[in-house]
Amino acid sequence: MELIRRPDGVCIPCKPGEPGQLVGRIIQNDPLRRFDGYVSESATSKKIARDVFKKGDSAYLSGDVLIMDELGYMYFKDRTGDTFRWKGENVSTTEVEGTLSRILDMTDVVVYGVAVPGAEGKAGMAAIADPHNGTDLEKFGRELERALPPYARPVFLRLLPEVNKTGTYKFQKTEMKREGFNPNAVSDKLYFLEPSQGKYVSLDEELYQDILSGKQKL
């Protein structure tokens, strides 16, 4: 997600059909285009890019990836940072979340990548709101096979009463990423997609240790 620049250092605008990040030119003396930043200075610096449209200017990085068609209409594609790489492929958390939510009758789902020792990239993990313990994992696994390629199917599942959201109704992923698939850190039910069986099995301490040691293949 690095900005792509011309030899002179200015960013390259996307052509119709090319995905790119939506940015907004910052003009501090214009009340509609000024950006005073956040309380955190580091968070502010991450949101501002320099030399975007021309040398010496600055722009706000929205984090939204859009595609523009030939008529100038914009379509939402993804969020920057909401992808991870697994089995040599890029996985869009937004697309997987949409697919899983549809399979589960519009249930709240959060998808994120978790690091596994010895494995390249990050394995997919899905936190699913299951307040009534009604998720049929066998049926879910079968439908998942039809809906997603192998690399995009969540390796780990976490079933919890509800998925926490921010004040702006965005799912909170940071804490769940930190807890990962460790049964000692997570009180919710955890499951692992066992590759030889092709179905989700309960993830207990023994299986967890086998995954960490590499004894259990992913």
Foldseek 3Di string as FASTA:
>chain_A
DDFDADPVREGDDDDAPDKDWDKAWADCVDVVRHDPADPDPVRRVVQKDARYHHHGTIIGTPQWIWGAHPVGDIDTDAGPPQWKDFPNDIEHQVVLQVVLCVLVVNWHKGKDFEDAPPGPITAIEMETADQPPPDDQVSSLVVCVVVDDPRHDGQKYWYDNHFDADPVRHTDCPVVRVQDQAVVSDVTWMWGQQVVVSTTDTDDPVNSVCRNVVVRPD
